[in-house]
Amino acid sequence: MHKQPIKILIACGSGIATSTVAQEKVKTILDRHNISYAIQKSSISQIPSLEKDVDLILVTSKYTSPISKPIIEVFGLLTGINTAAIENQIIQTITDINNKEGK
């Protein structure tokens, strides 16, 4: 069965700097787990307007506004702190999304 790519939004303060670094780390994780993905980057302020188009949101800083999609803080991927726990959380969340949506 062909799985649809998981659509991921990676957001940081500006939508440029830390999200680019996080994107490369996330790509490495997803490739290692053979997960098909489509990633887009944005600023934190763009999350409300973009959340409807993605399955999962990853942020490099705190985000506390109400949101309908799973959100994971991934700053540790940039610092090297708790990277295994963050990787496990990303993979588990994607597994849950795929199981729920039948992807």
PDB file of N, CA and C in Angstrom:
ATOM      1  N   MET A   1       0.834  -1.182   0.000  1.00  0.00           N
ATOM      2  CA  MET A   1       0.000   0.000   0.000  1.00  0.00           C
ATOM      3  C   MET A   1       0.879   1.245   0.000  1.00  0.00           C
ATOM      4  N   HIS A   2       0.574   2.176  -0.893  1.00  0.00           N
ATOM      5  CA  HIS A   2       1.335   3.418  -0.977  1.00  0.00           C
ATOM      6  C   HIS A   2       0.831   4.388   0.080  1.00  0.00           C
ATOM      7  N   LYS A   3       1.723   4.870   0.889  1.00  0.00           N
ATOM      8  CA  LYS A   3       1.334   5.823   1.908  1.00  0.00           C
ATOM      9  C   LYS A   3       1.483   7.238   1.368  1.00  0.00           C
ATOM     10  N   GLN A   4       0.502   8.071   1.686  1.00  0.00           N
ATOM     11  CA  GLN A   4       0.584   9.478   1.334  1.00  0.00           C
ATOM     12  C   GLN A   4       1.699  10.130   2.160  1.00  0.00           C
ATOM     13  N   PRO A   5       2.391  11.103   1.579  1.00  0.00           N
ATOM     14  CA  PRO A   5       3.408  11.800   2.380  1.00  0.00           C
ATOM     15  C   PRO A   5       2.753  12.522   3.558  1.00  0.00           C
ATOM     16  N   ILE A   6       3.436  12.522   4.679  1.00  0.00           N
ATOM     17  CA  ILE A   6       2.973  13.282   5.834  1.00  0.00           C
ATOM     18  C   ILE A   6       3.329  14.747   5.574  1.00  0.00           C
ATOM     19  N   LYS A   7       2.372  15.626   5.756  1.00  0.00           N
ATOM     20  CA  LYS A   7       2.606  17.052   5.500  1.00  0.00           C
ATOM     21  C   LYS A   7       2.984  17.728   6.809  1.00  0.00           C
ATOM     22  N   ILE A   8       4.195  18.288   6.822  1.00  0.00           N
ATOM     23  CA  ILE A   8       4.755  18.859   8.042  1.00  0.00           C
ATOM     24  C   ILE A   8       5.042  20.342   7.838  1.00  0.00           C
ATOM     25  N   LEU A   9       4.659  21.132   8.823  1.00  0.00           N
ATOM     26  CA  LEU A   9       4.994  22.548   8.865  1.00  0.00           C
ATOM     27  C   LEU A   9       6.044  22.724   9.952  1.00  0.00           C
ATOM     28  N   ILE A  10       7.154  23.357   9.606  1.00  0.00           N
ATOM     29  CA  ILE A  10       8.186  23.668  10.596  1.00  0.00           C
ATOM     30  C   ILE A  10       8.213  25.182  10.746  1.00  0.00           C
ATOM     31  N   ALA A  11       7.942  25.633  11.958  1.00  0.00           N
ATOM     32  CA  ALA A  11       7.830  27.072  12.193  1.00  0.00           C
ATOM     33  C   ALA A  11       8.847  27.555  13.221  1.00  0.00           C
ATOM     34  N   CYS A  12       9.401  28.735  12.936  1.00  0.00           N
ATOM     35  CA  CYS A  12      10.284  29.411  13.883  1.00  0.00           C
ATOM     36  C   CYS A  12       9.897  30.885  13.896  1.00  0.00           C
ATOM     37  N   GLY A  13      10.623  31.662  14.652  1.00  0.00           N
ATOM     38  CA  GLY A  13      10.296  33.082  14.781  1.00  0.00           C
ATOM     39  C   GLY A  13      10.184  33.805  13.447  1.00  0.00           C
ATOM     40  N   SER A  14      11.165  33.612  12.577  1.00  0.00           N
ATOM     41  CA  SER A  14      11.192  34.329  11.301  1.00  0.00           C
ATOM     42  C   SER A  14      10.747  33.481  10.117  1.00  0.00           C
ATOM     43  N   GLY A  15      10.744  32.175  10.288  1.00  0.00           N
ATOM     44  CA  GLY A  15      10.433  31.293   9.169  1.00  0.00           C
ATOM     45  C   GLY A  15      11.641  30.979   8.310  1.00  0.00           C
ATOM     46  N   ILE A  16      12.817  31.435   8.747  1.00  0.00           N
ATOM     47  CA  ILE A  16      14.019  31.239   7.930  1.00  0.00           C
ATOM     48  C   ILE A  16      15.116  30.488   8.679  1.00  0.00           C
ATOM     49  N   ALA A  17      15.611  31.060   9.756  1.00  0.00           N
ATOM     50  CA  ALA A  17      16.855  30.586  10.367  1.00  0.00           C
ATOM     51  C   ALA A  17      16.735  29.222  11.028  1.00  0.00           C
ATOM     52  N   THR A  18      16.141  29.168  12.201  1.00  0.00           N
ATOM     53  CA  THR A  18      16.137  27.894  12.935  1.00  0.00           C
ATOM     54  C   THR A  18      15.258  26.852  12.263  1.00  0.00           C
ATOM     55  N   SER A  19      14.235  27.287  11.528  1.00  0.00           N
ATOM     56  CA  SER A  19      13.388  26.289  10.854  1.00  0.00           C
ATOM     57  C   SER A  19      14.170  25.570   9.763  1.00  0.00           C
ATOM     58  N   THR A  20      15.128  26.249   9.155  1.00  0.00           N
ATOM     59  CA  THR A  20      15.954  25.609   8.124  1.00  0.00           C
ATOM     60  C   THR A  20      16.838  24.536   8.746  1.00  0.00           C
ATOM     61  N   VAL A  21      17.442  24.839   9.878  1.00  0.00           N
ATOM     62  CA  VAL A  21      18.278  23.860  10.576  1.00  0.00           C
ATOM     63  C   VAL A  21      17.409  22.695  11.044  1.00  0.00           C
ATOM     64  N   ALA A  22      16.254  23.014  11.632  1.00  0.00           N
ATOM     65  CA  ALA A  22      15.352  21.966  12.104  1.00  0.00           C
ATOM     66  C   ALA A  22      14.881  21.096  10.951  1.00  0.00           C
ATOM     67  N   GLN A  23      14.617  21.705   9.806  1.00  0.00           N
ATOM     68  CA  GLN A  23      14.155  20.951   8.640  1.00  0.00           C
ATOM     69  C   GLN A  23      15.162  19.883   8.241  1.00  0.00           C
ATOM     70  N   GLU A  24      16.426  20.219   8.234  1.00  0.00           N
ATOM     71  CA  GLU A  24      17.461  19.245   7.858  1.00  0.00           C
ATOM     72  C   GLU A  24      17.526  18.100   8.865  1.00  0.00           C
ATOM     73  N   LYS A  25      17.396  18.412  10.149  1.00  0.00           N
ATOM     74  CA  LYS A  25      17.411  17.371  11.183  1.00  0.00           C
ATOM     75  C   LYS A  25      16.188  16.465  11.034  1.00  0.00           C
ATOM     76  N   VAL A  26      15.026  17.063  10.784  1.00  0.00           N
ATOM     77  CA  VAL A  26      13.788  16.292  10.644  1.00  0.00           C
ATOM     78  C   VAL A  26      13.853  15.410   9.405  1.00  0.00           C
ATOM     79  N   LYS A  27      14.378  15.933   8.303  1.00  0.00           N
ATOM     80  CA  LYS A  27      14.528  15.127   7.080  1.00  0.00           C
ATOM     81  C   LYS A  27      15.376  13.888   7.364  1.00  0.00           C
ATOM     82  N   THR A  28      16.457  14.060   8.103  1.00  0.00           N
ATOM     83  CA  THR A  28      17.331  12.938   8.450  1.00  0.00           C
ATOM     84  C   THR A  28      16.558  11.888   9.246  1.00  0.00           C
ATOM     85  N   ILE A  29      15.774  12.342  10.223  1.00  0.00           N
ATOM     86  CA  ILE A  29      14.980  11.420  11.045  1.00  0.00           C
ATOM     87  C   ILE A  29      13.971  10.671  10.176  1.00  0.00           C
ATOM     88  N   LEU A  30      13.234  11.400   9.351  1.00  0.00           N
ATOM     89  CA  LEU A  30      12.185  10.781   8.534  1.00  0.00           C
ATOM     90  C   LEU A  30      12.776   9.825   7.505  1.00  0.00           C
ATOM     91  N   ASP A  31      13.898  10.210   6.905  1.00  0.00           N
ATOM     92  CA  ASP A  31      14.557   9.327   5.936  1.00  0.00           C
ATOM     93  C   ASP A  31      15.010   8.034   6.611  1.00  0.00           C
ATOM     94  N   ARG A  32      15.536   8.149   7.824  1.00  0.00           N
ATOM     95  CA  ARG A  32      16.010   6.979   8.566  1.00  0.00           C
ATOM     96  C   ARG A  32      14.860   6.012   8.866  1.00  0.00           C
ATOM     97  N   HIS A  33      13.651   6.551   8.999  1.00  0.00           N
ATOM     98  CA  HIS A  33      12.482   5.726   9.300  1.00  0.00           C
ATOM     99  C   HIS A  33      11.637   5.434   8.057  1.00  0.00           C
ATOM    100  N   ASN A  34      12.181   5.778   6.886  1.00  0.00           N
ATOM    101  CA  ASN A  34      11.492   5.529   5.609  1.00  0.00           C
ATOM    102  C   ASN A  34      10.086   6.127   5.578  1.00  0.00           C
ATOM    103  N   ILE A  35       9.969   7.346   6.062  1.00  0.00           N
ATOM    104  CA  ILE A  35       8.687   8.048   6.072  1.00  0.00           C
ATOM    105  C   ILE A  35       8.669   9.053   4.927  1.00  0.00           C
ATOM    106  N   SER A  36       7.627   8.962   4.119  1.00  0.00           N
ATOM    107  CA  SER A  36       7.436   9.901   3.016  1.00  0.00           C
ATOM    108  C   SER A  36       6.888  11.210   3.581  1.00  0.00           C
ATOM    109  N   TYR A  37       7.431  12.344   3.141  1.00  0.00           N
ATOM    110  CA  TYR A  37       7.042  13.617   3.732  1.00  0.00           C
ATOM    111  C   TYR A  37       7.078  14.761   2.729  1.00  0.00           C
ATOM    112  N   ALA A  38       6.355  15.804   3.082  1.00  0.00           N
ATOM    113  CA  ALA A  38       6.420  17.090   2.393  1.00  0.00           C
ATOM    114  C   ALA A  38       6.536  18.127   3.502  1.00  0.00           C
ATOM    115  N   ILE A  39       7.592  18.941   3.445  1.00  0.00           N
ATOM    116  CA  ILE A  39       7.842  19.916   4.503  1.00  0.00           C
ATOM    117  C   ILE A  39       7.721  21.323   3.939  1.00  0.00           C
ATOM    118  N   GLN A  40       7.064  22.182   4.715  1.00  0.00           N
ATOM    119  CA  GLN A  40       7.085  23.597   4.401  1.00  0.00           C
ATOM    120  C   GLN A  40       7.491  24.334   5.662  1.00  0.00           C
ATOM    121  N   LYS A  41       8.102  25.504   5.481  1.00  0.00           N
ATOM    122  CA  LYS A  41       8.564  26.301   6.614  1.00  0.00           C
ATOM    123  C   LYS A  41       7.727  27.571   6.700  1.00  0.00           C
ATOM    124  N   SER A  42       7.624  28.085   7.913  1.00  0.00           N
ATOM    125  CA  SER A  42       6.909  29.341   8.103  1.00  0.00           C
ATOM    126  C   SER A  42       7.386  30.001   9.377  1.00  0.00           C
ATOM    127  N   SER A  43       6.854  31.193   9.616  1.00  0.00           N
ATOM    128  CA  SER A  43       7.074  31.838  10.904  1.00  0.00           C
ATOM    129  C   SER A  43       5.995  31.353  11.860  1.00  0.00           C
ATOM    130  N   ILE A  44       6.240  31.508  13.138  1.00  0.00           N
ATOM    131  CA  ILE A  44       5.266  31.116  14.161  1.00  0.00           C
ATOM    132  C   ILE A  44       3.924  31.808  13.901  1.00  0.00           C
ATOM    133  N   SER A  45       3.955  33.075  13.512  1.00  0.00           N
ATOM    134  CA  SER A  45       2.712  33.839  13.329  1.00  0.00           C
ATOM    135  C   SER A  45       1.859  33.314  12.175  1.00  0.00           C
ATOM    136  N   GLN A  46       2.435  32.527  11.279  1.00  0.00           N
ATOM    137  CA  GLN A  46       1.686  31.988  10.136  1.00  0.00           C
ATOM    138  C   GLN A  46       0.976  30.667  10.455  1.00  0.00           C
ATOM    139  N   ILE A  47       1.234  30.083  11.612  1.00  0.00           N
ATOM    140  CA  ILE A  47       0.652  28.777  11.944  1.00  0.00           C
ATOM    141  C   ILE A  47      -0.871  28.752  11.785  1.00  0.00           C
ATOM    142  N   PRO A  48      -1.606  29.715  12.356  1.00  0.00           N
ATOM    143  CA  PRO A  48      -3.070  29.633  12.241  1.00  0.00           C
ATOM    144  C   PRO A  48      -3.583  29.589  10.798  1.00  0.00           C
ATOM    145  N   SER A  49      -2.919  30.281   9.894  1.00  0.00           N
ATOM    146  CA  SER A  49      -3.390  30.294   8.510  1.00  0.00           C
ATOM    147  C   SER A  49      -2.923  29.081   7.711  1.00  0.00           C
ATOM    148  N   LEU A  50      -1.924  28.351   8.202  1.00  0.00           N
ATOM    149  CA  LEU A  50      -1.373  27.211   7.463  1.00  0.00           C
ATOM    150  C   LEU A  50      -1.752  25.852   8.049  1.00  0.00           C
ATOM    151  N   GLU A  51      -2.240  25.816   9.283  1.00  0.00           N
ATOM    152  CA  GLU A  51      -2.457  24.530   9.951  1.00  0.00           C
ATOM    153  C   GLU A  51      -3.426  23.620   9.210  1.00  0.00           C
ATOM    154  N   LYS A  52      -4.398  24.175   8.504  1.00  0.00           N
ATOM    155  CA  LYS A  52      -5.392  23.342   7.811  1.00  0.00           C
ATOM    156  C   LYS A  52      -4.772  22.538   6.669  1.00  0.00           C
ATOM    157  N   ASP A  53      -3.605  22.951   6.198  1.00  0.00           N
ATOM    158  CA  ASP A  53      -2.968  22.302   5.050  1.00  0.00           C
ATOM    159  C   ASP A  53      -1.919  21.262   5.433  1.00  0.00           C
ATOM    160  N   VAL A  54      -1.715  21.030   6.732  1.00  0.00           N
ATOM    161  CA  VAL A  54      -0.669  20.105   7.165  1.00  0.00           C
ATOM    162  C   VAL A  54      -1.213  19.078   8.155  1.00  0.00           C
ATOM    163  N   ASP A  55      -0.426  18.016   8.367  1.00  0.00           N
ATOM    164  CA  ASP A  55      -0.785  16.959   9.315  1.00  0.00           C
ATOM    165  C   ASP A  55      -0.138  17.164  10.682  1.00  0.00           C
ATOM    166  N   LEU A  56       1.036  17.794  10.689  1.00  0.00           N
ATOM    167  CA  LEU A  56       1.850  17.909  11.899  1.00  0.00           C
ATOM    168  C   LEU A  56       2.592  19.233  11.865  1.00  0.00           C
ATOM    169  N   ILE A  57       2.695  19.870  13.027  1.00  0.00           N
ATOM    170  CA  ILE A  57       3.412  21.139  13.132  1.00  0.00           C
ATOM    171  C   ILE A  57       4.571  20.961  14.107  1.00  0.00           C
ATOM    172  N   LEU A  58       5.751  21.365  13.666  1.00  0.00           N
ATOM    173  CA  LEU A  58       6.946  21.335  14.507  1.00  0.00           C
ATOM    174  C   LEU A  58       7.386  22.779  14.717  1.00  0.00           C
ATOM    175  N   VAL A  59       7.673  23.151  15.953  1.00  0.00           N
ATOM    176  CA  VAL A  59       8.078  24.523  16.257  1.00  0.00           C
ATOM    177  C   VAL A  59       9.411  24.527  16.978  1.00  0.00           C
ATOM    178  N   THR A  60      10.178  25.595  16.760  1.00  0.00           N
ATOM    179  CA  THR A  60      11.475  25.720  17.426  1.00  0.00           C
ATOM    180  C   THR A  60      11.388  26.592  18.674  1.00  0.00           C
ATOM    181  N   SER A  61      10.193  27.085  18.980  1.00  0.00           N
ATOM    182  CA  SER A  61       9.980  27.855  20.205  1.00  0.00           C
ATOM    183  C   SER A  61       8.583  27.554  20.727  1.00  0.00           C
ATOM    184  N   LYS A  62       8.278  28.060  21.909  1.00  0.00           N
ATOM    185  CA  LYS A  62       6.966  27.788  22.507  1.00  0.00           C
ATOM    186  C   LYS A  62       5.845  28.330  21.622  1.00  0.00           C
ATOM    187  N   TYR A  63       4.765  27.549  21.540  1.00  0.00           N
ATOM    188  CA  TYR A  63       3.557  27.989  20.845  1.00  0.00           C
ATOM    189  C   TYR A  63       2.382  27.576  21.716  1.00  0.00           C
ATOM    190  N   THR A  64       1.630  28.541  22.198  1.00  0.00           N
ATOM    191  CA  THR A  64       0.597  28.231  23.187  1.00  0.00           C
ATOM    192  C   THR A  64      -0.820  28.503  22.700  1.00  0.00           C
ATOM    193  N   SER A  65      -0.992  29.027  21.507  1.00  0.00           N
ATOM    194  CA  SER A  65      -2.345  29.291  21.005  1.00  0.00           C
ATOM    195  C   SER A  65      -3.054  27.980  20.697  1.00  0.00           C
ATOM    196  N   PRO A  66      -4.377  27.965  20.777  1.00  0.00           N
ATOM    197  CA  PRO A  66      -5.130  26.750  20.442  1.00  0.00           C
ATOM    198  C   PRO A  66      -4.898  26.355  18.975  1.00  0.00           C
ATOM    199  N   ILE A  67      -4.785  25.066  18.762  1.00  0.00           N
ATOM    200  CA  ILE A  67      -4.500  24.575  17.415  1.00  0.00           C
ATOM    201  C   ILE A  67      -5.134  23.198  17.245  1.00  0.00           C
ATOM    202  N   SER A  68      -5.529  22.881  16.037  1.00  0.00           N
ATOM    203  CA  SER A  68      -6.251  21.621  15.808  1.00  0.00           C
ATOM    204  C   SER A  68      -5.339  20.472  15.398  1.00  0.00           C
ATOM    205  N   LYS A  69      -4.087  20.745  15.130  1.00  0.00           N
ATOM    206  CA  LYS A  69      -3.158  19.711  14.679  1.00  0.00           C
ATOM    207  C   LYS A  69      -2.133  19.408  15.760  1.00  0.00           C
ATOM    208  N   PRO A  70      -1.548  18.207  15.710  1.00  0.00           N
ATOM    209  CA  PRO A  70      -0.491  17.890  16.673  1.00  0.00           C
ATOM    210  C   PRO A  70       0.680  18.859  16.493  1.00  0.00           C
ATOM    211  N   ILE A  71       1.229  19.294  17.598  1.00  0.00           N
ATOM    212  CA  ILE A  71       2.362  20.226  17.571  1.00  0.00           C
ATOM    213  C   ILE A  71       3.455  19.706  18.496  1.00  0.00           C
ATOM    214  N   ILE A  72       4.692  19.734  18.020  1.00  0.00           N
ATOM    215  CA  ILE A  72       5.833  19.248  18.792  1.00  0.00           C
ATOM    216  C   ILE A  72       6.904  20.329  18.801  1.00  0.00           C
ATOM    217  N   GLU A  73       7.423  20.618  19.989  1.00  0.00           N
ATOM    218  CA  GLU A  73       8.524  21.568  20.095  1.00  0.00           C
ATOM    219  C   GLU A  73       9.826  20.814  19.809  1.00  0.00           C
ATOM    220  N   VAL A  74      10.592  21.291  18.839  1.00  0.00           N
ATOM    221  CA  VAL A  74      11.792  20.568  18.387  1.00  0.00           C
ATOM    222  C   VAL A  74      13.084  21.359  18.595  1.00  0.00           C
ATOM    223  N   PHE A  75      13.063  22.334  19.488  1.00  0.00           N
ATOM    224  CA  PHE A  75      14.273  23.122  19.717  1.00  0.00           C
ATOM    225  C   PHE A  75      15.452  22.242  20.105  1.00  0.00           C
ATOM    226  N   GLY A  76      15.178  21.148  20.810  1.00  0.00           N
ATOM    227  CA  GLY A  76      16.250  20.239  21.216  1.00  0.00           C
ATOM    228  C   GLY A  76      17.027  19.646  20.050  1.00  0.00           C
ATOM    229  N   LEU A  77      16.393  19.562  18.871  1.00  0.00           N
ATOM    230  CA  LEU A  77      17.129  19.073  17.696  1.00  0.00           C
ATOM    231  C   LEU A  77      18.241  20.044  17.318  1.00  0.00           C
ATOM    232  N   LEU A  78      18.065  21.318  17.637  1.00  0.00           N
ATOM    233  CA  LEU A  78      19.073  22.328  17.311  1.00  0.00           C
ATOM    234  C   LEU A  78      20.189  22.347  18.340  1.00  0.00           C
ATOM    235  N   THR A  79      19.837  22.047  19.590  1.00  0.00           N
ATOM    236  CA  THR A  79      20.818  22.122  20.678  1.00  0.00           C
ATOM    237  C   THR A  79      21.473  20.788  20.980  1.00  0.00           C
ATOM    238  N   GLY A  80      20.852  19.705  20.485  1.00  0.00           N
ATOM    239  CA  GLY A  80      21.375  18.381  20.793  1.00  0.00           C
ATOM    240  C   GLY A  80      20.874  17.832  22.120  1.00  0.00           C
ATOM    241  N   ILE A  81      19.906  18.512  22.729  1.00  0.00           N
ATOM    242  CA  ILE A  81      19.359  18.090  24.019  1.00  0.00           C
ATOM    243  C   ILE A  81      18.076  17.294  23.790  1.00  0.00           C
ATOM    244  N   ASN A  82      18.024  16.095  24.360  1.00  0.00           N
ATOM    245  CA  ASN A  82      16.838  15.220  24.263  1.00  0.00           C
ATOM    246  C   ASN A  82      16.467  14.861  22.821  1.00  0.00           C
ATOM    247  N   THR A  83      17.449  14.740  21.957  1.00  0.00           N
ATOM    248  CA  THR A  83      17.147  14.469  20.545  1.00  0.00           C
ATOM    249  C   THR A  83      16.448  13.127  20.355  1.00  0.00           C
ATOM    250  N   ALA A  84      16.840  12.114  21.109  1.00  0.00           N
ATOM    251  CA  ALA A  84      16.202  10.803  20.953  1.00  0.00           C
ATOM    252  C   ALA A  84      14.733  10.873  21.361  1.00  0.00           C
ATOM    253  N   ALA A  85      14.434  11.587  22.443  1.00  0.00           N
ATOM    254  CA  ALA A  85      13.044  11.723  22.893  1.00  0.00           C
ATOM    255  C   ALA A  85      12.215  12.486  21.865  1.00  0.00           C
ATOM    256  N   ILE A  86      12.791  13.533  21.287  1.00  0.00           N
ATOM    257  CA  ILE A  86      12.079  14.311  20.268  1.00  0.00           C
ATOM    258  C   ILE A  86      11.850  13.449  19.027  1.00  0.00           C
ATOM    259  N   GLU A  87      12.867  12.714  18.615  1.00  0.00           N
ATOM    260  CA  GLU A  87      12.722  11.816  17.461  1.00  0.00           C
ATOM    261  C   GLU A  87      11.612  10.805  17.715  1.00  0.00           C
ATOM    262  N   ASN A  88      11.599  10.204  18.892  1.00  0.00           N
ATOM    263  CA  ASN A  88      10.555   9.231  19.220  1.00  0.00           C
ATOM    264  C   ASN A  88       9.173   9.866  19.195  1.00  0.00           C
ATOM    265  N   GLN A  89       9.074  11.091  19.697  1.00  0.00           N
ATOM    266  CA  GLN A  89       7.791  11.791  19.713  1.00  0.00           C
ATOM    267  C   GLN A  89       7.310  12.072  18.285  1.00  0.00           C
ATOM    268  N   ILE A  90       8.218  12.494  17.418  1.00  0.00           N
ATOM    269  CA  ILE A  90       7.863  12.754  16.019  1.00  0.00           C
ATOM    270  C   ILE A  90       7.384  11.473  15.350  1.00  0.00           C
ATOM    271  N   ILE A  91       8.141  10.396  15.487  1.00  0.00           N
ATOM    272  CA  ILE A  91       7.792   9.131  14.836  1.00  0.00           C
ATOM    273  C   ILE A  91       6.474   8.587  15.375  1.00  0.00           C
ATOM    274  N   GLN A  92       6.285   8.638  16.695  1.00  0.00           N
ATOM    275  CA  GLN A  92       5.044   8.145  17.292  1.00  0.00           C
ATOM    276  C   GLN A  92       3.846   8.968  16.830  1.00  0.00           C
ATOM    277  N   THR A  93       4.018  10.283  16.755  1.00  0.00           N
ATOM    278  CA  THR A  93       2.919  11.152  16.317  1.00  0.00           C
ATOM    279  C   THR A  93       2.563  10.872  14.869  1.00  0.00           C
ATOM    280  N   ILE A  94       3.562  10.692  14.017  1.00  0.00           N
ATOM    281  CA  ILE A  94       3.301  10.378  12.605  1.00  0.00           C
ATOM    282  C   ILE A  94       2.616   9.021  12.489  1.00  0.00           C
ATOM    283  N   THR A  95       3.052   8.050  13.280  1.00  0.00           N
ATOM    284  CA  THR A  95       2.408   6.735  13.277  1.00  0.00           C
ATOM    285  C   THR A  95       0.940   6.871  13.664  1.00  0.00           C
ATOM    286  N   ASP A  96       0.672   7.650  14.700  1.00  0.00           N
ATOM    287  CA  ASP A  96      -0.707   7.872  15.148  1.00  0.00           C
ATOM    288  C   ASP A  96      -1.544   8.548  14.060  1.00  0.00           C
ATOM    289  N   ILE A  97      -0.973   9.550  13.407  1.00  0.00           N
ATOM    290  CA  ILE A  97      -1.681  10.254  12.323  1.00  0.00           C
ATOM    291  C   ILE A  97      -1.996   9.282  11.196  1.00  0.00           C
ATOM    292  N   ASN A  98      -0.996   8.497  10.800  1.00  0.00           N
ATOM    293  CA  ASN A  98      -1.199   7.535   9.713  1.00  0.00           C
ATOM    294  C   ASN A  98      -2.257   6.491  10.068  1.00  0.00           C
ATOM    295  N   ASN A  99      -2.238   6.013  11.296  1.00  0.00           N
ATOM    296  CA  ASN A  99      -3.217   5.019  11.726  1.00  0.00           C
ATOM    297  C   ASN A  99      -4.624   5.611  11.763  1.00  0.00           C
ATOM    298  N   LYS A 100      -4.728   6.841  12.228  1.00  0.00           N
ATOM    299  CA  LYS A 100      -6.029   7.504  12.347  1.00  0.00           C
ATOM    300  C   LYS A 100      -6.623   7.810  10.977  1.00  0.00           C
ATOM    301  N   GLU A 101      -5.769   8.254  10.067  1.00  0.00           N
ATOM    302  CA  GLU A 101      -6.243   8.677   8.746  1.00  0.00           C
ATOM    303  C   GLU A 101      -6.156   7.567   7.703  1.00  0.00           C
ATOM    304  N   GLY A 102      -5.610   6.425   8.092  1.00  0.00           N
ATOM    305  CA  GLY A 102      -5.484   5.325   7.145  1.00  0.00           C
ATOM    306  C   GLY A 102      -4.522   5.601   6.014  1.00  0.00           C
ATOM    307  N   LYS A 103      -3.473   6.397   6.308  1.00  0.00           N
ATOM    308  CA  LYS A 103      -2.498   6.748   5.269  1.00  0.00           C
ATOM    309  C   LYS A 103      -1.561   5.599   4.994  1.00  0.00           C
TER     310      LYS A 103
END
